[in-house]
Amino acid sequence: MRAAVLQLSAQGMSSTKLYNYIRVAHKQGVKVLLLGEYILNPFFKELQELSTAMIQEQALHQIKVLKELSKTYNMNIIAPIVIVKKAKVFKTIAKFSPSSTTYYEQQILINYPHWNEEKFFANEIKELESPLIFKVDGFKFAIMSGFELHFDAMFSHLSSRGVDCILLPSVSTFESYERWKALILSRSFTNNCYILRANRIGEYIDKKHSWNFYGDSLLASPNGELLEHLGNKEELMIVDMSHANVMAAKKSWGFRDALNKRSGL
């Protein structure tokens, strides 16, 4: 399975870079393309200053563009996007395929005093459900937001689903480079699956903080190894993944077998 991460800063209403990079990815045989958070929309702190009408206008434009690109280049594009429904703002991850569009509404949002997405967005707080799962040529993907990766309960929905790769858009900042890398590698190892992480780049500065989005988009192996990663510049990273490698890791470590033996006890 050939996939790619497009590491960018926020693009506003411009679509030029998306067109150019997706054409390149298509020529290289990419079937799944992943974008980081707050690339199609301004960063969260900037969104708080915008009207709902402006957020909606931008979202509708980007959705139209990505639907067109997905269909034109026969590619699945996974893109976090803030949308408006009935005058309320929701944080979602959209899956654009050549024939349809599906939205995964982020289930667990950041709720810290300096960065409270849970308060701003209208996403419902409810019992956790499975992340969005889909197949491309028999290769099974799950979509999970970066913040959701912290919670063991999210993985209870994936343990028996045979996922080959978790697609992880993120917006990591504040010198968290090493912690995020350790978390991703640990999760890929304990779940014996690939994790493909897309982090945005760029900077946002307010009166109290400098939000430096440092990139480091990466691919972790089913054995918890770092296979590929980017720096802090605008880049396209193309990766190859193998279902056979996922199955070999599951067989070698036997984590699922250990749980299955105890499931009825």
C-alpha atoms as a PDB file:
ATOM      1  CA  MET A   1       0.000   0.000   0.000  1.00  0.00           C
ATOM      2  CA  ARG A   2       1.469   3.338  -1.064  1.00  0.00           C
ATOM      3  CA  ALA A   3       0.367   6.327   1.006  1.00  0.00           C
ATOM      4  CA  ALA A   4       1.611   9.854   1.591  1.00  0.00           C
ATOM      5  CA  VAL A   5       1.666  12.689   4.101  1.00  0.00           C
ATOM      6  CA  LEU A   6       1.477  16.274   2.915  1.00  0.00           C
ATOM      7  CA  GLN A   7       3.161  18.436   5.580  1.00  0.00           C
ATOM      8  CA  LEU A   8       1.955  22.033   5.237  1.00  0.00           C
ATOM      9  CA  SER A   9       1.055  25.180   7.156  1.00  0.00           C
ATOM     10  CA  ALA A  10      -2.488  26.590   7.050  1.00  0.00           C
ATOM     11  CA  GLN A  11      -3.520  27.200   3.438  1.00  0.00           C
ATOM     12  CA  GLY A  12      -6.503  29.522   3.844  1.00  0.00           C
ATOM     13  CA  MET A  13      -8.635  29.655   0.695  1.00  0.00           C
ATOM     14  CA  SER A  14      -5.711  28.832  -1.580  1.00  0.00           C
ATOM     15  CA  SER A  15      -5.693  25.441  -3.288  1.00  0.00           C
ATOM     16  CA  THR A  16      -2.586  25.780  -5.458  1.00  0.00           C
ATOM     17  CA  LYS A  17      -0.281  23.702  -3.275  1.00  0.00           C
ATOM     18  CA  LEU A  18      -2.899  21.001  -2.807  1.00  0.00           C
ATOM     19  CA  TYR A  19      -3.314  20.667  -6.572  1.00  0.00           C
ATOM     20  CA  ASN A  20       0.433  20.575  -7.200  1.00  0.00           C
ATOM     21  CA  TYR A  21       1.348  18.063  -4.499  1.00  0.00           C
ATOM     22  CA  ILE A  22      -1.582  15.753  -5.200  1.00  0.00           C
ATOM     23  CA  ARG A  23      -0.589  15.604  -8.877  1.00  0.00           C
ATOM     24  CA  VAL A  24       2.902  14.552  -7.799  1.00  0.00           C
ATOM     25  CA  ALA A  25       1.508  11.941  -5.386  1.00  0.00           C
ATOM     26  CA  HIS A  26      -0.749  10.552  -8.117  1.00  0.00           C
ATOM     27  CA  LYS A  27       2.194  10.118 -10.485  1.00  0.00           C
ATOM     28  CA  GLN A  28       3.975   8.133  -7.745  1.00  0.00           C
ATOM     29  CA  GLY A  29       1.036   5.745  -7.310  1.00  0.00           C
ATOM     30  CA  VAL A  30      -0.228   7.088  -3.978  1.00  0.00           C
ATOM     31  CA  LYS A  31      -3.680   5.777  -3.035  1.00  0.00           C
ATOM     32  CA  VAL A  32      -4.161   7.453   0.362  1.00  0.00           C
ATOM     33  CA  LEU A  33      -3.049  11.006   1.196  1.00  0.00           C
ATOM     34  CA  LEU A  34      -3.092  12.403   4.751  1.00  0.00           C
ATOM     35  CA  LEU A  35      -3.126  16.055   5.843  1.00  0.00           C
ATOM     36  CA  GLY A  36      -2.441  17.451   9.319  1.00  0.00           C
ATOM     37  CA  GLU A  37      -4.846  19.424  11.501  1.00  0.00           C
ATOM     38  CA  TYR A  38      -5.650  23.085  10.839  1.00  0.00           C
ATOM     39  CA  ILE A  39      -4.320  23.107   7.306  1.00  0.00           C
ATOM     40  CA  LEU A  40      -7.653  23.649   5.557  1.00  0.00           C
ATOM     41  CA  ASN A  41      -8.764  26.007   8.343  1.00  0.00           C
ATOM     42  CA  PRO A  42      -6.904  28.601  10.429  1.00  0.00           C
ATOM     43  CA  PHE A  43      -5.520  27.411  13.778  1.00  0.00           C
ATOM     44  CA  PHE A  44      -8.028  27.042  16.612  1.00  0.00           C
ATOM     45  CA  LYS A  45      -7.074  30.316  18.316  1.00  0.00           C
ATOM     46  CA  GLU A  46      -7.681  32.162  15.037  1.00  0.00           C
ATOM     47  CA  LEU A  47     -10.988  30.374  14.455  1.00  0.00           C
ATOM     48  CA  GLN A  48     -12.282  31.807  17.716  1.00  0.00           C
ATOM     49  CA  GLU A  49     -12.054  35.270  16.178  1.00  0.00           C
ATOM     50  CA  LEU A  50     -13.939  34.385  12.976  1.00  0.00           C
ATOM     51  CA  SER A  51     -17.658  34.489  12.290  1.00  0.00           C
ATOM     52  CA  THR A  52     -19.538  31.244  11.748  1.00  0.00           C
ATOM     53  CA  ALA A  53     -20.385  32.424   8.233  1.00  0.00           C
ATOM     54  CA  MET A  54     -16.716  32.871   7.368  1.00  0.00           C
ATOM     55  CA  ILE A  55     -15.809  29.446   8.758  1.00  0.00           C
ATOM     56  CA  GLN A  56     -18.595  27.893   6.717  1.00  0.00           C
ATOM     57  CA  GLU A  57     -17.575  29.674   3.517  1.00  0.00           C
ATOM     58  CA  GLN A  58     -14.012  28.442   3.835  1.00  0.00           C
ATOM     59  CA  ALA A  59     -15.095  24.876   4.660  1.00  0.00           C
ATOM     60  CA  LEU A  60     -17.461  24.645   1.689  1.00  0.00           C
ATOM     61  CA  HIS A  61     -14.718  25.876  -0.643  1.00  0.00           C
ATOM     62  CA  GLN A  62     -12.147  23.363   0.631  1.00  0.00           C
ATOM     63  CA  ILE A  63     -14.657  20.496   0.559  1.00  0.00           C
ATOM     64  CA  LYS A  64     -15.474  21.260  -3.066  1.00  0.00           C
ATOM     65  CA  VAL A  65     -11.767  21.350  -3.968  1.00  0.00           C
ATOM     66  CA  LEU A  66     -10.931  18.067  -2.229  1.00  0.00           C
ATOM     67  CA  LYS A  67     -13.910  16.236  -3.697  1.00  0.00           C
ATOM     68  CA  GLU A  68     -12.729  17.305  -7.129  1.00  0.00           C
ATOM     69  CA  LEU A  69      -9.126  16.291  -6.468  1.00  0.00           C
ATOM     70  CA  SER A  70     -10.107  12.901  -5.063  1.00  0.00           C
ATOM     71  CA  LYS A  71     -12.240  12.123  -8.091  1.00  0.00           C
ATOM     72  CA  THR A  72      -9.769  13.495 -10.653  1.00  0.00           C
ATOM     73  CA  TYR A  73      -6.786  11.584  -9.280  1.00  0.00           C
ATOM     74  CA  ASN A  74      -8.631   8.486  -7.981  1.00  0.00           C
ATOM     75  CA  MET A  75      -7.207   9.035  -4.507  1.00  0.00           C
ATOM     76  CA  ASN A  76      -8.493   8.807  -0.935  1.00  0.00           C
ATOM     77  CA  ILE A  77      -7.718  12.095   0.825  1.00  0.00           C
ATOM     78  CA  ILE A  78      -7.929  12.237   4.624  1.00  0.00           C
ATOM     79  CA  ALA A  79      -8.221  15.822   5.791  1.00  0.00           C
ATOM     80  CA  PRO A  80      -9.178  17.374   9.148  1.00  0.00           C
ATOM     81  CA  ILE A  81     -11.697  20.126   8.497  1.00  0.00           C
ATOM     82  CA  VAL A  82     -13.864  22.366  10.653  1.00  0.00           C
ATOM     83  CA  ILE A  83     -17.447  22.400   9.363  1.00  0.00           C
ATOM     84  CA  VAL A  84     -20.679  24.195  10.218  1.00  0.00           C
ATOM     85  CA  LYS A  85     -24.023  22.430  10.713  1.00  0.00           C
ATOM     86  CA  LYS A  86     -27.148  24.344  11.774  1.00  0.00           C
ATOM     87  CA  ALA A  87     -25.026  27.355  12.774  1.00  0.00           C
ATOM     88  CA  LYS A  88     -22.829  25.197  15.045  1.00  0.00           C
ATOM     89  CA  VAL A  89     -19.122  24.526  14.483  1.00  0.00           C
ATOM     90  CA  PHE A  90     -17.796  20.963  14.520  1.00  0.00           C
ATOM     91  CA  LYS A  91     -14.275  19.566  14.380  1.00  0.00           C
ATOM     92  CA  THR A  92     -14.129  16.618  11.985  1.00  0.00           C
ATOM     93  CA  ILE A  93     -11.808  14.524   9.860  1.00  0.00           C
ATOM     94  CA  ALA A  94     -13.125  14.044   6.341  1.00  0.00           C
ATOM     95  CA  LYS A  95     -12.436  11.062   4.118  1.00  0.00           C
ATOM     96  CA  PHE A  96     -12.734  12.068   0.489  1.00  0.00           C
ATOM     97  CA  SER A  97     -12.918   9.104  -1.877  1.00  0.00           C
ATOM     98  CA  PRO A  98     -13.601   9.236  -5.634  1.00  0.00           C
ATOM     99  CA  SER A  99     -17.230   8.217  -5.080  1.00  0.00           C
ATOM    100  CA  SER A 100     -18.188   9.529  -1.629  1.00  0.00           C
ATOM    101  CA  THR A 101     -17.294  11.719   1.348  1.00  0.00           C
ATOM    102  CA  THR A 102     -17.457  10.564   4.975  1.00  0.00           C
ATOM    103  CA  TYR A 103     -16.931  12.629   8.112  1.00  0.00           C
ATOM    104  CA  TYR A 104     -15.487  11.400  11.406  1.00  0.00           C
ATOM    105  CA  GLU A 105     -16.484  13.723  14.232  1.00  0.00           C
ATOM    106  CA  GLN A 106     -13.614  13.934  16.709  1.00  0.00           C
ATOM    107  CA  GLN A 107     -14.758  12.310  19.958  1.00  0.00           C
ATOM    108  CA  ILE A 108     -12.245  13.632  22.504  1.00  0.00           C
ATOM    109  CA  LEU A 109     -11.138  17.256  22.219  1.00  0.00           C
ATOM    110  CA  ILE A 110      -8.455  19.220  24.051  1.00  0.00           C
ATOM    111  CA  ASN A 111      -9.924  21.054  27.044  1.00  0.00           C
ATOM    112  CA  TYR A 112      -7.042  22.938  28.661  1.00  0.00           C
ATOM    113  CA  PRO A 113      -7.470  26.560  29.814  1.00  0.00           C
ATOM    114  CA  HIS A 114      -5.161  27.940  27.102  1.00  0.00           C
ATOM    115  CA  TRP A 115      -6.522  25.635  24.372  1.00  0.00           C
ATOM    116  CA  ASN A 116     -10.144  24.609  24.979  1.00  0.00           C
ATOM    117  CA  GLU A 117     -11.515  23.025  21.815  1.00  0.00           C
ATOM    118  CA  GLU A 118     -14.122  21.104  23.803  1.00  0.00           C
ATOM    119  CA  LYS A 119     -15.781  24.365  24.855  1.00  0.00           C
ATOM    120  CA  PHE A 120     -15.634  25.999  21.416  1.00  0.00           C
ATOM    121  CA  PHE A 121     -16.764  23.164  19.160  1.00  0.00           C
ATOM    122  CA  ALA A 122     -20.225  21.577  19.230  1.00  0.00           C
ATOM    123  CA  ASN A 123     -18.950  17.969  19.104  1.00  0.00           C
ATOM    124  CA  GLU A 124     -21.162  15.839  21.322  1.00  0.00           C
ATOM    125  CA  ILE A 125     -19.721  14.416  24.533  1.00  0.00           C
ATOM    126  CA  LYS A 126     -20.964  10.827  24.635  1.00  0.00           C
ATOM    127  CA  GLU A 127     -19.856   7.221  25.040  1.00  0.00           C
ATOM    128  CA  LEU A 128     -16.883   6.489  22.819  1.00  0.00           C
ATOM    129  CA  GLU A 129     -17.435   4.747  19.514  1.00  0.00           C
ATOM    130  CA  SER A 130     -15.107   3.162  16.990  1.00  0.00           C
ATOM    131  CA  PRO A 131     -12.921   5.471  14.934  1.00  0.00           C
ATOM    132  CA  LEU A 132     -13.707   5.579  11.220  1.00  0.00           C
ATOM    133  CA  ILE A 133     -12.416   2.401   9.507  1.00  0.00           C
ATOM    134  CA  PHE A 134     -12.145   1.813   5.773  1.00  0.00           C
ATOM    135  CA  LYS A 135     -10.333  -0.409   3.265  1.00  0.00           C
ATOM    136  CA  VAL A 136      -8.329   0.381   0.161  1.00  0.00           C
ATOM    137  CA  ASP A 137      -7.336  -2.653  -1.928  1.00  0.00           C
ATOM    138  CA  GLY A 138      -7.782  -4.911   1.098  1.00  0.00           C
ATOM    139  CA  PHE A 139      -5.545  -2.754   3.328  1.00  0.00           C
ATOM    140  CA  LYS A 140      -7.473  -1.595   6.402  1.00  0.00           C
ATOM    141  CA  PHE A 141      -7.124   1.931   7.789  1.00  0.00           C
ATOM    142  CA  ALA A 142      -8.495   3.610  10.917  1.00  0.00           C
ATOM    143  CA  ILE A 143      -8.696   7.370  11.380  1.00  0.00           C
ATOM    144  CA  MET A 144      -7.973   8.883  14.788  1.00  0.00           C
ATOM    145  CA  SER A 145      -7.193  12.463  15.812  1.00  0.00           C
ATOM    146  CA  GLY A 146      -3.833  13.186  17.394  1.00  0.00           C
ATOM    147  CA  PHE A 147      -5.303  13.996  20.805  1.00  0.00           C
ATOM    148  CA  GLU A 148      -7.350  10.773  20.832  1.00  0.00           C
ATOM    149  CA  LEU A 149      -4.140   8.728  20.615  1.00  0.00           C
ATOM    150  CA  HIS A 150      -3.589   9.379  24.338  1.00  0.00           C
ATOM    151  CA  PHE A 151      -6.627   7.345  25.424  1.00  0.00           C
ATOM    152  CA  ASP A 152      -6.535   3.573  25.889  1.00  0.00           C
ATOM    153  CA  ALA A 153     -10.313   3.408  25.481  1.00  0.00           C
ATOM    154  CA  MET A 154     -10.016   4.424  21.833  1.00  0.00           C
ATOM    155  CA  PHE A 155      -7.955   1.321  21.132  1.00  0.00           C
ATOM    156  CA  SER A 156     -10.470  -1.044  22.715  1.00  0.00           C
ATOM    157  CA  HIS A 157     -12.598  -0.439  19.607  1.00  0.00           C
ATOM    158  CA  LEU A 158      -9.725  -1.411  17.313  1.00  0.00           C
ATOM    159  CA  SER A 159      -8.343  -4.492  19.047  1.00  0.00           C
ATOM    160  CA  SER A 160     -10.430  -6.998  17.081  1.00  0.00           C
ATOM    161  CA  ARG A 161     -10.844  -5.041  13.835  1.00  0.00           C
ATOM    162  CA  GLY A 162      -7.597  -6.096  12.119  1.00  0.00           C
ATOM    163  CA  VAL A 163      -6.428  -2.569  11.354  1.00  0.00           C
ATOM    164  CA  ASP A 164      -3.227  -2.335   9.312  1.00  0.00           C
ATOM    165  CA  CYS A 165      -2.597   1.400   9.734  1.00  0.00           C
ATOM    166  CA  ILE A 166      -3.872   4.228  11.933  1.00  0.00           C
ATOM    167  CA  LEU A 167      -3.965   7.558  10.114  1.00  0.00           C
ATOM    168  CA  LEU A 168      -3.140  10.250  12.663  1.00  0.00           C
ATOM    169  CA  PRO A 169      -3.529  13.922  11.751  1.00  0.00           C
ATOM    170  CA  SER A 170      -2.126  16.165  14.489  1.00  0.00           C
ATOM    171  CA  VAL A 171      -1.272  19.744  15.421  1.00  0.00           C
ATOM    172  CA  SER A 172       1.534  19.154  17.933  1.00  0.00           C
ATOM    173  CA  THR A 173       3.450  22.093  19.389  1.00  0.00           C
ATOM    174  CA  PHE A 174       5.134  23.397  22.574  1.00  0.00           C
ATOM    175  CA  GLU A 175       8.382  21.398  22.392  1.00  0.00           C
ATOM    176  CA  SER A 176       6.499  18.094  22.603  1.00  0.00           C
ATOM    177  CA  TYR A 177       8.608  16.464  19.871  1.00  0.00           C
ATOM    178  CA  GLU A 178      10.140  13.610  21.889  1.00  0.00           C
ATOM    179  CA  ARG A 179       6.990  12.838  23.863  1.00  0.00           C
ATOM    180  CA  TRP A 180       4.878  12.524  20.735  1.00  0.00           C
ATOM    181  CA  LYS A 181       7.418  10.305  19.031  1.00  0.00           C
ATOM    182  CA  ALA A 182       7.575   7.999  22.067  1.00  0.00           C
ATOM    183  CA  LEU A 183       3.770   7.813  22.269  1.00  0.00           C
ATOM    184  CA  ILE A 184       3.335   6.984  18.580  1.00  0.00           C
ATOM    185  CA  LEU A 185       6.034   4.311  18.570  1.00  0.00           C
ATOM    186  CA  SER A 186       4.576   2.744  21.720  1.00  0.00           C
ATOM    187  CA  ARG A 187       1.062   2.643  20.299  1.00  0.00           C
ATOM    188  CA  SER A 188       2.231   1.159  17.004  1.00  0.00           C
ATOM    189  CA  PHE A 189       4.123  -1.556  18.878  1.00  0.00           C
ATOM    190  CA  THR A 190       1.440  -2.530  21.401  1.00  0.00           C
ATOM    191  CA  ASN A 191      -1.188  -2.617  18.647  1.00  0.00           C
ATOM    192  CA  ASN A 192       1.127  -4.138  15.987  1.00  0.00           C
ATOM    193  CA  CYS A 193       0.043  -1.740  13.252  1.00  0.00           C
ATOM    194  CA  TYR A 194       1.511   1.112  11.271  1.00  0.00           C
ATOM    195  CA  ILE A 195       0.825   4.644  12.423  1.00  0.00           C
ATOM    196  CA  LEU A 196       1.118   7.354   9.798  1.00  0.00           C
ATOM    197  CA  ARG A 197       1.217  10.751  11.479  1.00  0.00           C
ATOM    198  CA  ALA A 198       0.781  14.102   9.718  1.00  0.00           C
ATOM    199  CA  ASN A 199       1.700  17.177  11.740  1.00  0.00           C
ATOM    200  CA  ARG A 200       1.375  20.718  10.457  1.00  0.00           C
ATOM    201  CA  ILE A 201       4.103  23.356  10.331  1.00  0.00           C
ATOM    202  CA  GLY A 202       4.092  27.115  10.851  1.00  0.00           C
ATOM    203  CA  GLU A 203       3.623  29.375  13.865  1.00  0.00           C
ATOM    204  CA  TYR A 204       0.893  31.247  15.696  1.00  0.00           C
ATOM    205  CA  ILE A 205       1.710  33.889  18.307  1.00  0.00           C
ATOM    206  CA  ASP A 206      -0.672  35.366  20.846  1.00  0.00           C
ATOM    207  CA  LYS A 207      -0.073  37.551  23.902  1.00  0.00           C
ATOM    208  CA  LYS A 208       0.945  34.635  26.121  1.00  0.00           C
ATOM    209  CA  HIS A 209       2.255  31.848  23.910  1.00  0.00           C
ATOM    210  CA  SER A 210       4.225  31.115  20.758  1.00  0.00           C
ATOM    211  CA  TRP A 211       2.698  28.060  19.083  1.00  0.00           C
ATOM    212  CA  ASN A 212       5.453  26.519  16.984  1.00  0.00           C
ATOM    213  CA  PHE A 213       4.116  23.637  14.891  1.00  0.00           C
ATOM    214  CA  TYR A 214       7.237  21.618  14.272  1.00  0.00           C
ATOM    215  CA  GLY A 215       6.257  19.027  11.670  1.00  0.00           C
ATOM    216  CA  ASP A 216       7.994  15.677  12.258  1.00  0.00           C
ATOM    217  CA  SER A 217       5.353  13.800  10.291  1.00  0.00           C
ATOM    218  CA  LEU A 218       6.333  10.144  10.489  1.00  0.00           C
ATOM    219  CA  LEU A 219       5.647   6.491   9.807  1.00  0.00           C
ATOM    220  CA  ALA A 220       5.922   3.987  12.670  1.00  0.00           C
ATOM    221  CA  SER A 221       6.144   0.254  11.963  1.00  0.00           C
ATOM    222  CA  PRO A 222       4.037  -2.567  13.498  1.00  0.00           C
ATOM    223  CA  ASN A 223       7.144  -3.388  15.558  1.00  0.00           C
ATOM    224  CA  GLY A 224       7.324   0.124  17.031  1.00  0.00           C
ATOM    225  CA  GLU A 225      10.198   1.321  14.849  1.00  0.00           C
ATOM    226  CA  LEU A 226      10.571   4.726  13.231  1.00  0.00           C
ATOM    227  CA  LEU A 227      10.626   4.059   9.489  1.00  0.00           C
ATOM    228  CA  GLU A 228      10.342   7.537   7.946  1.00  0.00           C
ATOM    229  CA  HIS A 229      10.038  11.088   9.203  1.00  0.00           C
ATOM    230  CA  LEU A 230      10.166  14.676   8.012  1.00  0.00           C
ATOM    231  CA  GLY A 231      11.775  17.773   9.453  1.00  0.00           C
ATOM    232  CA  ASN A 232      10.030  21.099  10.008  1.00  0.00           C
ATOM    233  CA  LYS A 233       9.673  22.211   6.386  1.00  0.00           C
ATOM    234  CA  GLU A 234       6.945  21.904   3.782  1.00  0.00           C
ATOM    235  CA  GLU A 235       7.268  18.428   2.258  1.00  0.00           C
ATOM    236  CA  LEU A 236       5.527  15.444   0.715  1.00  0.00           C
ATOM    237  CA  MET A 237       6.446  12.087   2.288  1.00  0.00           C
ATOM    238  CA  ILE A 238       5.572   8.959   0.294  1.00  0.00           C
ATOM    239  CA  VAL A 239       5.628   5.623   2.135  1.00  0.00           C
ATOM    240  CA  ASP A 240       4.991   1.941   1.389  1.00  0.00           C
ATOM    241  CA  MET A 241       3.270  -0.358   3.872  1.00  0.00           C
ATOM    242  CA  SER A 242       2.693  -4.112   3.835  1.00  0.00           C
ATOM    243  CA  HIS A 243      -0.189  -6.147   5.256  1.00  0.00           C
ATOM    244  CA  ALA A 244       2.223  -9.090   5.475  1.00  0.00           C
ATOM    245  CA  ASN A 245       4.463  -7.095   7.828  1.00  0.00           C
ATOM    246  CA  VAL A 246       1.493  -6.322  10.061  1.00  0.00           C
ATOM    247  CA  MET A 247       0.539 -10.008  10.248  1.00  0.00           C
ATOM    248  CA  ALA A 248       4.132 -11.027  10.931  1.00  0.00           C
ATOM    249  CA  ALA A 249       4.354  -8.584  13.849  1.00  0.00           C
ATOM    250  CA  LYS A 250       1.059  -9.791  15.315  1.00  0.00           C
ATOM    251  CA  LYS A 251       2.209 -13.402  15.074  1.00  0.00           C
ATOM    252  CA  SER A 252       5.664 -12.673  16.470  1.00  0.00           C
ATOM    253  CA  TRP A 253       4.498 -10.780  19.576  1.00  0.00           C
ATOM    254  CA  GLY A 254       1.221 -12.635  20.153  1.00  0.00           C
ATOM    255  CA  PHE A 255      -0.495  -9.837  22.077  1.00  0.00           C
ATOM    256  CA  ARG A 256      -3.894 -10.543  20.534  1.00  0.00           C
ATOM    257  CA  ASP A 257      -3.592 -14.298  21.142  1.00  0.00           C
ATOM    258  CA  ALA A 258      -2.860 -13.659  24.829  1.00  0.00           C
ATOM    259  CA  LEU A 259      -6.059 -11.629  25.129  1.00  0.00           C
ATOM    260  CA  ASN A 260      -8.147 -14.125  23.172  1.00  0.00           C
ATOM    261  CA  LYS A 261      -7.187 -16.914  25.581  1.00  0.00           C
ATOM    262  CA  ARG A 262      -8.593 -14.848  28.432  1.00  0.00           C
ATOM    263  CA  SER A 263     -11.635 -13.306  26.766  1.00  0.00           C
ATOM    264  CA  GLY A 264     -14.033 -15.883  28.180  1.00  0.00           C
ATOM    265  CA  LEU A 265     -12.584 -16.046  31.666  1.00  0.00           C
END
